[in-house]
Amino acid sequence: SMRALGHGTVVNVGGTCDSDSGGVSVQSVAVDEDSVV
């Protein structure tokens, strides 16, 4: 949906890869203590 609209941000907790494609930013945050994450 975001790619069809041409914008958006995805943050994956526990993910390992960041990318930007079609106006959509995909970011990752490492798993840690809940408040730190």
PDB file of all heavy atoms in Angstrom:
ATOM      1  N   SER A   1       0.824  -1.206   0.000  1.00  0.00           N
ATOM      2  CA  SER A   1       0.000   0.000   0.000  1.00  0.00           C
ATOM      3  C   SER A   1       0.861   1.259   0.000  1.00  0.00           C
ATOM      4  O   SER A   1       0.592   2.211  -0.747  1.00  0.00           O
ATOM      5  CB  SER A   1      -0.932  -0.015   1.214  1.00  0.00           C
ATOM      6  OG  SER A   1      -1.612   1.206   1.330  1.00  0.00           O
ATOM      7  N   MET A   2       1.885   1.280   0.843  1.00  0.00           N
ATOM      8  CA  MET A   2       2.764   2.451   0.931  1.00  0.00           C
ATOM      9  C   MET A   2       3.465   2.710  -0.403  1.00  0.00           C
ATOM     10  O   MET A   2       3.574   3.851  -0.839  1.00  0.00           O
ATOM     11  CB  MET A   2       3.802   2.266   2.040  1.00  0.00           C
ATOM     12  CG  MET A   2       3.257   2.408   3.426  1.00  0.00           C
ATOM     13  SD  MET A   2       4.574   2.100   4.637  1.00  0.00           S
ATOM     14  CE  MET A   2       3.755   2.587   6.146  1.00  0.00           C
ATOM     15  N   ARG A   3       3.937   1.652  -1.034  1.00  0.00           N
ATOM     16  CA  ARG A   3       4.627   1.819  -2.324  1.00  0.00           C
ATOM     17  C   ARG A   3       3.667   2.343  -3.383  1.00  0.00           C
ATOM     18  O   ARG A   3       4.047   3.163  -4.215  1.00  0.00           O
ATOM     19  CB  ARG A   3       5.278   0.512  -2.741  1.00  0.00           C
ATOM     20  CG  ARG A   3       6.506   0.213  -1.900  1.00  0.00           C
ATOM     21  CD  ARG A   3       7.295  -0.979  -2.396  1.00  0.00           C
ATOM     22  NE  ARG A   3       8.497  -1.125  -1.604  1.00  0.00           N
ATOM     23  CZ  ARG A   3       8.815  -2.220  -0.925  1.00  0.00           C
ATOM     24  NH1 ARG A   3       8.039  -3.300  -0.991  1.00  0.00           N
ATOM     25  NH2 ARG A   3       9.923  -2.266  -0.212  1.00  0.00           N
ATOM     26  N   ALA A   4       2.411   1.887  -3.347  1.00  0.00           N
ATOM     27  CA  ALA A   4       1.414   2.384  -4.301  1.00  0.00           C
ATOM     28  C   ALA A   4       1.143   3.873  -4.075  1.00  0.00           C
ATOM     29  O   ALA A   4       0.925   4.622  -5.038  1.00  0.00           O
ATOM     30  CB  ALA A   4       0.118   1.582  -4.177  1.00  0.00           C
ATOM     31  N   LEU A   5       1.174   4.300  -2.809  1.00  0.00           N
ATOM     32  CA  LEU A   5       0.955   5.709  -2.476  1.00  0.00           C
ATOM     33  C   LEU A   5       2.221   6.552  -2.630  1.00  0.00           C
ATOM     34  O   LEU A   5       2.156   7.781  -2.666  1.00  0.00           O
ATOM     35  CB  LEU A   5       0.433   5.836  -1.042  1.00  0.00           C
ATOM     36  CG  LEU A   5      -0.954   5.236  -0.801  1.00  0.00           C
ATOM     37  CD1 LEU A   5      -1.261   5.200   0.694  1.00  0.00           C
ATOM     38  CD2 LEU A   5      -2.016   6.021  -1.556  1.00  0.00           C
ATOM     39  N   GLY A   6       3.389   5.894  -2.654  1.00  0.00           N
ATOM     40  CA  GLY A   6       4.656   6.595  -2.851  1.00  0.00           C
ATOM     41  C   GLY A   6       5.267   7.191  -1.602  1.00  0.00           C
ATOM     42  O   GLY A   6       6.153   8.031  -1.693  1.00  0.00           O
ATOM     43  N   HIS A   7       4.810   6.756  -0.425  1.00  0.00           N
ATOM     44  CA  HIS A   7       5.409   7.267   0.807  1.00  0.00           C
ATOM     45  C   HIS A   7       5.095   6.340   1.972  1.00  0.00           C
ATOM     46  O   HIS A   7       4.144   5.565   1.932  1.00  0.00           O
ATOM     47  CB  HIS A   7       4.900   8.677   1.136  1.00  0.00           C
ATOM     48  CG  HIS A   7       3.441   8.710   1.475  1.00  0.00           C
ATOM     49  ND1 HIS A   7       2.967   8.470   2.747  1.00  0.00           N
ATOM     50  CD2 HIS A   7       2.347   8.929   0.716  1.00  0.00           C
ATOM     51  CE1 HIS A   7       1.649   8.548   2.751  1.00  0.00           C
ATOM     52  NE2 HIS A   7       1.243   8.828   1.518  1.00  0.00           N
ATOM     53  N   GLY A   8       5.904   6.447   3.022  1.00  0.00           N
ATOM     54  CA  GLY A   8       5.668   5.696   4.243  1.00  0.00           C
ATOM     55  C   GLY A   8       6.961   5.312   4.926  1.00  0.00           C
ATOM     56  O   GLY A   8       8.046   5.406   4.346  1.00  0.00           O
ATOM     57  N   THR A   9       6.824   4.899   6.163  1.00  0.00           N
ATOM     58  CA  THR A   9       7.966   4.454   6.963  1.00  0.00           C
ATOM     59  C   THR A   9       7.589   3.174   7.675  1.00  0.00           C
ATOM     60  O   THR A   9       6.523   3.094   8.291  1.00  0.00           O
ATOM     61  CB  THR A   9       8.355   5.509   8.017  1.00  0.00           C
ATOM     62  OG1 THR A   9       8.704   6.723   7.351  1.00  0.00           O
ATOM     63  CG2 THR A   9       9.530   5.038   8.867  1.00  0.00           C
ATOM     64  N   VAL A  10       8.476   2.190   7.595  1.00  0.00           N
ATOM     65  CA  VAL A  10       8.312   0.930   8.310  1.00  0.00           C
ATOM     66  C   VAL A  10       9.502   0.783   9.244  1.00  0.00           C
ATOM     67  O   VAL A  10      10.651   0.944   8.819  1.00  0.00           O
ATOM     68  CB  VAL A  10       8.256  -0.272   7.340  1.00  0.00           C
ATOM     69  CG1 VAL A  10       8.215  -1.581   8.108  1.00  0.00           C
ATOM     70  CG2 VAL A  10       7.060  -0.153   6.408  1.00  0.00           C
ATOM     71  N   VAL A  11       9.233   0.486  10.511  1.00  0.00           N
ATOM     72  CA  VAL A  11      10.290   0.202  11.470  1.00  0.00           C
ATOM     73  C   VAL A  11      10.078  -1.229  11.964  1.00  0.00           C
ATOM     74  O   VAL A  11       9.036  -1.534  12.546  1.00  0.00           O
ATOM     75  CB  VAL A  11      10.283   1.184  12.664  1.00  0.00           C
ATOM     76  CG1 VAL A  11      11.382   0.816  13.657  1.00  0.00           C
ATOM     77  CG2 VAL A  11      10.448   2.623  12.187  1.00  0.00           C
ATOM     78  N   ASN A  12      11.052  -2.085  11.691  1.00  0.00           N
ATOM     79  CA  ASN A  12      11.002  -3.485  12.104  1.00  0.00           C
ATOM     80  C   ASN A  12      11.846  -3.667  13.360  1.00  0.00           C
ATOM     81  O   ASN A  12      13.062  -3.486  13.319  1.00  0.00           O
ATOM     82  CB  ASN A  12      11.536  -4.401  11.006  1.00  0.00           C
ATOM     83  CG  ASN A  12      10.593  -4.499   9.844  1.00  0.00           C
ATOM     84  OD1 ASN A  12       9.418  -4.733  10.014  1.00  0.00           O
ATOM     85  ND2 ASN A  12      11.113  -4.298   8.640  1.00  0.00           N
ATOM     86  N   VAL A  13      11.210  -4.013  14.467  1.00  0.00           N
ATOM     87  CA  VAL A  13      11.936  -4.308  15.696  1.00  0.00           C
ATOM     88  C   VAL A  13      12.493  -5.716  15.558  1.00  0.00           C
ATOM     89  O   VAL A  13      11.755  -6.664  15.299  1.00  0.00           O
ATOM     90  CB  VAL A  13      11.017  -4.200  16.927  1.00  0.00           C
ATOM     91  CG1 VAL A  13      11.756  -4.628  18.189  1.00  0.00           C
ATOM     92  CG2 VAL A  13      10.481  -2.780  17.065  1.00  0.00           C
ATOM     93  N   GLY A  14      13.798  -5.829  15.684  1.00  0.00           N
ATOM     94  CA  GLY A  14      14.451  -7.111  15.522  1.00  0.00           C
ATOM     95  C   GLY A  14      14.881  -7.374  14.096  1.00  0.00           C
ATOM     96  O   GLY A  14      15.441  -8.417  13.789  1.00  0.00           O
ATOM     97  N   GLY A  15      14.634  -6.429  13.208  1.00  0.00           N
ATOM     98  CA  GLY A  15      15.062  -6.570  11.821  1.00  0.00           C
ATOM     99  C   GLY A  15      16.541  -6.281  11.681  1.00  0.00           C
ATOM    100  O   GLY A  15      17.196  -5.800  12.603  1.00  0.00           O
ATOM    101  N   THR A  16      17.058  -6.560  10.505  1.00  0.00           N
ATOM    102  CA  THR A  16      18.496  -6.384  10.293  1.00  0.00           C
ATOM    103  C   THR A  16      18.831  -5.570   9.062  1.00  0.00           C
ATOM    104  O   THR A  16      19.999  -5.384   8.756  1.00  0.00           O
ATOM    105  CB  THR A  16      19.180  -7.759  10.157  1.00  0.00           C
ATOM    106  OG1 THR A  16      18.585  -8.460   9.057  1.00  0.00           O
ATOM    107  CG2 THR A  16      19.046  -8.562  11.431  1.00  0.00           C
ATOM    108  N   CYS A  17      17.827  -5.087   8.345  1.00  0.00           N
ATOM    109  CA  CYS A  17      18.100  -4.452   7.064  1.00  0.00           C
ATOM    110  C   CYS A  17      17.342  -3.136   6.952  1.00  0.00           C
ATOM    111  O   CYS A  17      16.159  -3.073   7.269  1.00  0.00           O
ATOM    112  CB  CYS A  17      17.683  -5.410   5.943  1.00  0.00           C
ATOM    113  SG  CYS A  17      17.917  -4.755   4.303  1.00  0.00           S
ATOM    114  N   ASP A  18      18.026  -2.094   6.490  1.00  0.00           N
ATOM    115  CA  ASP A  18      17.395  -0.814   6.205  1.00  0.00           C
ATOM    116  C   ASP A  18      17.410  -0.608   4.695  1.00  0.00           C
ATOM    117  O   ASP A  18      18.360  -1.015   4.020  1.00  0.00           O
ATOM    118  CB  ASP A  18      18.164   0.342   6.860  1.00  0.00           C
ATOM    119  CG  ASP A  18      18.070   0.340   8.374  1.00  0.00           C
ATOM    120  OD1 ASP A  18      17.369  -0.518   8.933  1.00  0.00           O
ATOM    121  OD2 ASP A  18      18.713   1.205   8.992  1.00  0.00           O
ATOM    122  N   SER A  19      16.361   0.022   4.169  1.00  0.00           N
ATOM    123  CA  SER A  19      16.336   0.303   2.734  1.00  0.00           C
ATOM    124  C   SER A  19      15.360   1.443   2.467  1.00  0.00           C
ATOM    125  O   SER A  19      14.526   1.780   3.293  1.00  0.00           O
ATOM    126  CB  SER A  19      15.906  -0.942   1.947  1.00  0.00           C
ATOM    127  OG  SER A  19      14.556  -1.269   2.222  1.00  0.00           O
ATOM    128  N   ASP A  20      15.493   2.016   1.287  1.00  0.00           N
ATOM    129  CA  ASP A  20      14.571   3.026   0.793  1.00  0.00           C
ATOM    130  C   ASP A  20      14.196   2.626  -0.622  1.00  0.00           C
ATOM    131  O   ASP A  20      15.073   2.377  -1.445  1.00  0.00           O
ATOM    132  CB  ASP A  20      15.216   4.420   0.783  1.00  0.00           C
ATOM    133  CG  ASP A  20      15.443   4.961   2.179  1.00  0.00           C
ATOM    134  OD1 ASP A  20      14.509   4.882   2.985  1.00  0.00           O
ATOM    135  OD2 ASP A  20      16.543   5.461   2.451  1.00  0.00           O
ATOM    136  N   SER A  21      12.894   2.560  -0.881  1.00  0.00           N
ATOM    137  CA  SER A  21      12.442   2.130  -2.202  1.00  0.00           C
ATOM    138  C   SER A  21      11.069   2.709  -2.485  1.00  0.00           C
ATOM    139  O   SER A  21      10.156   2.566  -1.671  1.00  0.00           O
ATOM    140  CB  SER A  21      12.390   0.598  -2.251  1.00  0.00           C
ATOM    141  OG  SER A  21      11.718   0.164  -3.404  1.00  0.00           O
ATOM    142  N   GLY A  22      10.925   3.361  -3.612  1.00  0.00           N
ATOM    143  CA  GLY A  22       9.622   3.879  -4.012  1.00  0.00           C
ATOM    144  C   GLY A  22       9.022   4.851  -3.027  1.00  0.00           C
ATOM    145  O   GLY A  22       7.805   4.880  -2.859  1.00  0.00           O
ATOM    146  N   GLY A  23       9.842   5.647  -2.352  1.00  0.00           N
ATOM    147  CA  GLY A  23       9.358   6.617  -1.380  1.00  0.00           C
ATOM    148  C   GLY A  23       9.085   6.036  -0.010  1.00  0.00           C
ATOM    149  O   GLY A  23       8.615   6.738   0.876  1.00  0.00           O
ATOM    150  N   VAL A  24       9.373   4.738   0.176  1.00  0.00           N
ATOM    151  CA  VAL A  24       9.124   4.074   1.451  1.00  0.00           C
ATOM    152  C   VAL A  24      10.458   3.774   2.125  1.00  0.00           C
ATOM    153  O   VAL A  24      11.349   3.184   1.519  1.00  0.00           O
ATOM    154  CB  VAL A  24       8.323   2.763   1.268  1.00  0.00           C
ATOM    155  CG1 VAL A  24       8.115   2.076   2.606  1.00  0.00           C
ATOM    156  CG2 VAL A  24       6.986   3.050   0.596  1.00  0.00           C
ATOM    157  N   SER A  25      10.571   4.184   3.365  1.00  0.00           N
ATOM    158  CA  SER A  25      11.767   3.927   4.161  1.00  0.00           C
ATOM    159  C   SER A  25      11.513   2.731   5.071  1.00  0.00           C
ATOM    160  O   SER A  25      10.536   2.719   5.813  1.00  0.00           O
ATOM    161  CB  SER A  25      12.099   5.162   5.005  1.00  0.00           C
ATOM    162  OG  SER A  25      13.129   4.880   5.924  1.00  0.00           O
ATOM    163  N   VAL A  26      12.387   1.720   4.980  1.00  0.00           N
ATOM    164  CA  VAL A  26      12.298   0.557   5.858  1.00  0.00           C
ATOM    165  C   VAL A  26      13.515   0.591   6.759  1.00  0.00           C
ATOM    166  O   VAL A  26      14.655   0.597   6.286  1.00  0.00           O
ATOM    167  CB  VAL A  26      12.244  -0.768   5.063  1.00  0.00           C
ATOM    168  CG1 VAL A  26      12.194  -1.955   6.011  1.00  0.00           C
ATOM    169  CG2 VAL A  26      11.050  -0.773   4.118  1.00  0.00           C
ATOM    170  N   GLN A  27      13.273   0.640   8.068  1.00  0.00           N
ATOM    171  CA  GLN A  27      14.342   0.754   9.043  1.00  0.00           C
ATOM    172  C   GLN A  27      14.237  -0.367  10.059  1.00  0.00           C
ATOM    173  O   GLN A  27      13.163  -0.919  10.266  1.00  0.00           O
ATOM    174  CB  GLN A  27      14.255   2.108   9.745  1.00  0.00           C
ATOM    175  CG  GLN A  27      14.280   3.276   8.786  1.00  0.00           C
ATOM    176  CD  GLN A  27      14.058   4.602   9.471  1.00  0.00           C
ATOM    177  OE1 GLN A  27      14.300   4.754  10.660  1.00  0.00           O
ATOM    178  NE2 GLN A  27      13.585   5.568   8.724  1.00  0.00           N
ATOM    179  N   SER A  28      15.352  -0.671  10.694  1.00  0.00           N
ATOM    180  CA  SER A  28      15.382  -1.730  11.700  1.00  0.00           C
ATOM    181  C   SER A  28      15.898  -1.192  13.014  1.00  0.00           C
ATOM    182  O   SER A  28      16.704  -0.267  13.043  1.00  0.00           O
ATOM    183  CB  SER A  28      16.297  -2.868  11.237  1.00  0.00           C
ATOM    184  OG  SER A  28      15.800  -3.432  10.052  1.00  0.00           O
ATOM    185  N   VAL A  29      15.413  -1.789  14.090  1.00  0.00           N
ATOM    186  CA  VAL A  29      15.877  -1.470  15.434  1.00  0.00           C
ATOM    187  C   VAL A  29      16.198  -2.790  16.112  1.00  0.00           C
ATOM    188  O   VAL A  29      15.374  -3.712  16.110  1.00  0.00           O
ATOM    189  CB  VAL A  29      14.795  -0.707  16.234  1.00  0.00           C
ATOM    190  CG1 VAL A  29      15.212  -0.524  17.678  1.00  0.00           C
ATOM    191  CG2 VAL A  29      14.499   0.635  15.587  1.00  0.00           C
ATOM    192  N   ALA A  30      17.395  -2.890  16.665  1.00  0.00           N
ATOM    193  CA  ALA A  30      17.812  -4.122  17.329  1.00  0.00           C
ATOM    194  C   ALA A  30      16.994  -4.375  18.587  1.00  0.00           C
ATOM    195  O   ALA A  30      16.553  -3.444  19.260  1.00  0.00           O
ATOM    196  CB  ALA A  30      19.299  -4.054  17.684  1.00  0.00           C
ATOM    197  N   VAL A  31      16.798  -5.638  18.899  1.00  0.00           N
ATOM    198  CA  VAL A  31      16.067  -6.023  20.109  1.00  0.00           C
ATOM    199  C   VAL A  31      16.940  -5.745  21.321  1.00  0.00           C
ATOM    200  O   VAL A  31      18.132  -6.034  21.335  1.00  0.00           O
ATOM    201  CB  VAL A  31      15.667  -7.511  20.052  1.00  0.00           C
ATOM    202  CG1 VAL A  31      15.007  -7.947  21.340  1.00  0.00           C
ATOM    203  CG2 VAL A  31      14.754  -7.761  18.868  1.00  0.00           C
ATOM    204  N   ASP A  32      16.335  -5.163  22.335  1.00  0.00           N
ATOM    205  CA  ASP A  32      17.015  -4.796  23.573  1.00  0.00           C
ATOM    206  C   ASP A  32      15.941  -4.739  24.650  1.00  0.00           C
ATOM    207  O   ASP A  32      14.835  -5.221  24.453  1.00  0.00           O
ATOM    208  CB  ASP A  32      17.694  -3.426  23.378  1.00  0.00           C
ATOM    209  CG  ASP A  32      18.834  -3.162  24.336  1.00  0.00           C
ATOM    210  OD1 ASP A  32      18.827  -3.725  25.449  1.00  0.00           O
ATOM    211  OD2 ASP A  32      19.728  -2.383  23.992  1.00  0.00           O
ATOM    212  N   GLU A  33      16.236  -4.106  25.765  1.00  0.00           N
ATOM    213  CA  GLU A  33      15.238  -3.875  26.808  1.00  0.00           C
ATOM    214  C   GLU A  33      14.107  -3.020  26.224  1.00  0.00           C
ATOM    215  O   GLU A  33      14.352  -2.108  25.433  1.00  0.00           O
ATOM    216  CB  GLU A  33      15.909  -3.149  27.973  1.00  0.00           C
ATOM    217  CG  GLU A  33      15.001  -2.862  29.127  1.00  0.00           C
ATOM    218  CD  GLU A  33      15.723  -2.104  30.235  1.00  0.00           C
ATOM    219  OE1 GLU A  33      16.943  -2.267  30.397  1.00  0.00           O
ATOM    220  OE2 GLU A  33      15.027  -1.348  30.928  1.00  0.00           O
ATOM    221  N   ASP A  34      12.854  -3.307  26.586  1.00  0.00           N
ATOM    222  CA  ASP A  34      11.700  -2.641  25.989  1.00  0.00           C
ATOM    223  C   ASP A  34      11.815  -1.126  25.945  1.00  0.00           C
ATOM    224  O   ASP A  34      11.558  -0.515  24.921  1.00  0.00           O
ATOM    225  CB  ASP A  34      10.412  -3.021  26.728  1.00  0.00           C
ATOM    226  CG  ASP A  34       9.892  -4.391  26.335  1.00  0.00           C
ATOM    227  OD1 ASP A  34      10.526  -5.058  25.488  1.00  0.00           O
ATOM    228  OD2 ASP A  34       8.857  -4.799  26.883  1.00  0.00           O
ATOM    229  N   SER A  35      12.194  -0.491  27.044  1.00  0.00           N
ATOM    230  CA  SER A  35      12.253   0.972  27.056  1.00  0.00           C
ATOM    231  C   SER A  35      13.348   1.487  26.126  1.00  0.00           C
ATOM    232  O   SER A  35      13.188   2.533  25.499  1.00  0.00           O
ATOM    233  CB  SER A  35      12.454   1.502  28.474  1.00  0.00           C
ATOM    234  OG  SER A  35      13.676   1.052  29.009  1.00  0.00           O
ATOM    235  N   VAL A  36      14.427   0.745  25.988  1.00  0.00           N
ATOM    236  CA  VAL A  36      15.511   1.134  25.074  1.00  0.00           C
ATOM    237  C   VAL A  36      15.039   1.026  23.632  1.00  0.00           C
ATOM    238  O   VAL A  36      15.260   1.920  22.813  1.00  0.00           O
ATOM    239  CB  VAL A  36      16.767   0.257  25.307  1.00  0.00           C
ATOM    240  CG1 VAL A  36      17.824   0.531  24.256  1.00  0.00           C
ATOM    241  CG2 VAL A  36      17.331   0.490  26.702  1.00  0.00           C
ATOM    242  N   VAL A  37      14.344  -0.063  23.319  1.00  0.00           N
ATOM    243  CA  VAL A  37      13.814  -0.249  21.969  1.00  0.00           C
ATOM    244  C   VAL A  37      12.801   0.839  21.647  1.00  0.00           C
ATOM    245  O   VAL A  37      12.824   1.431  20.560  1.00  0.00           O
ATOM    246  CB  VAL A  37      13.175  -1.646  21.807  1.00  0.00           C
ATOM    247  CG1 VAL A  37      12.471  -1.767  20.465  1.00  0.00           C
ATOM    248  CG2 VAL A  37      14.230  -2.734  21.934  1.00  0.00           C
TER     249      VAL A  37
END
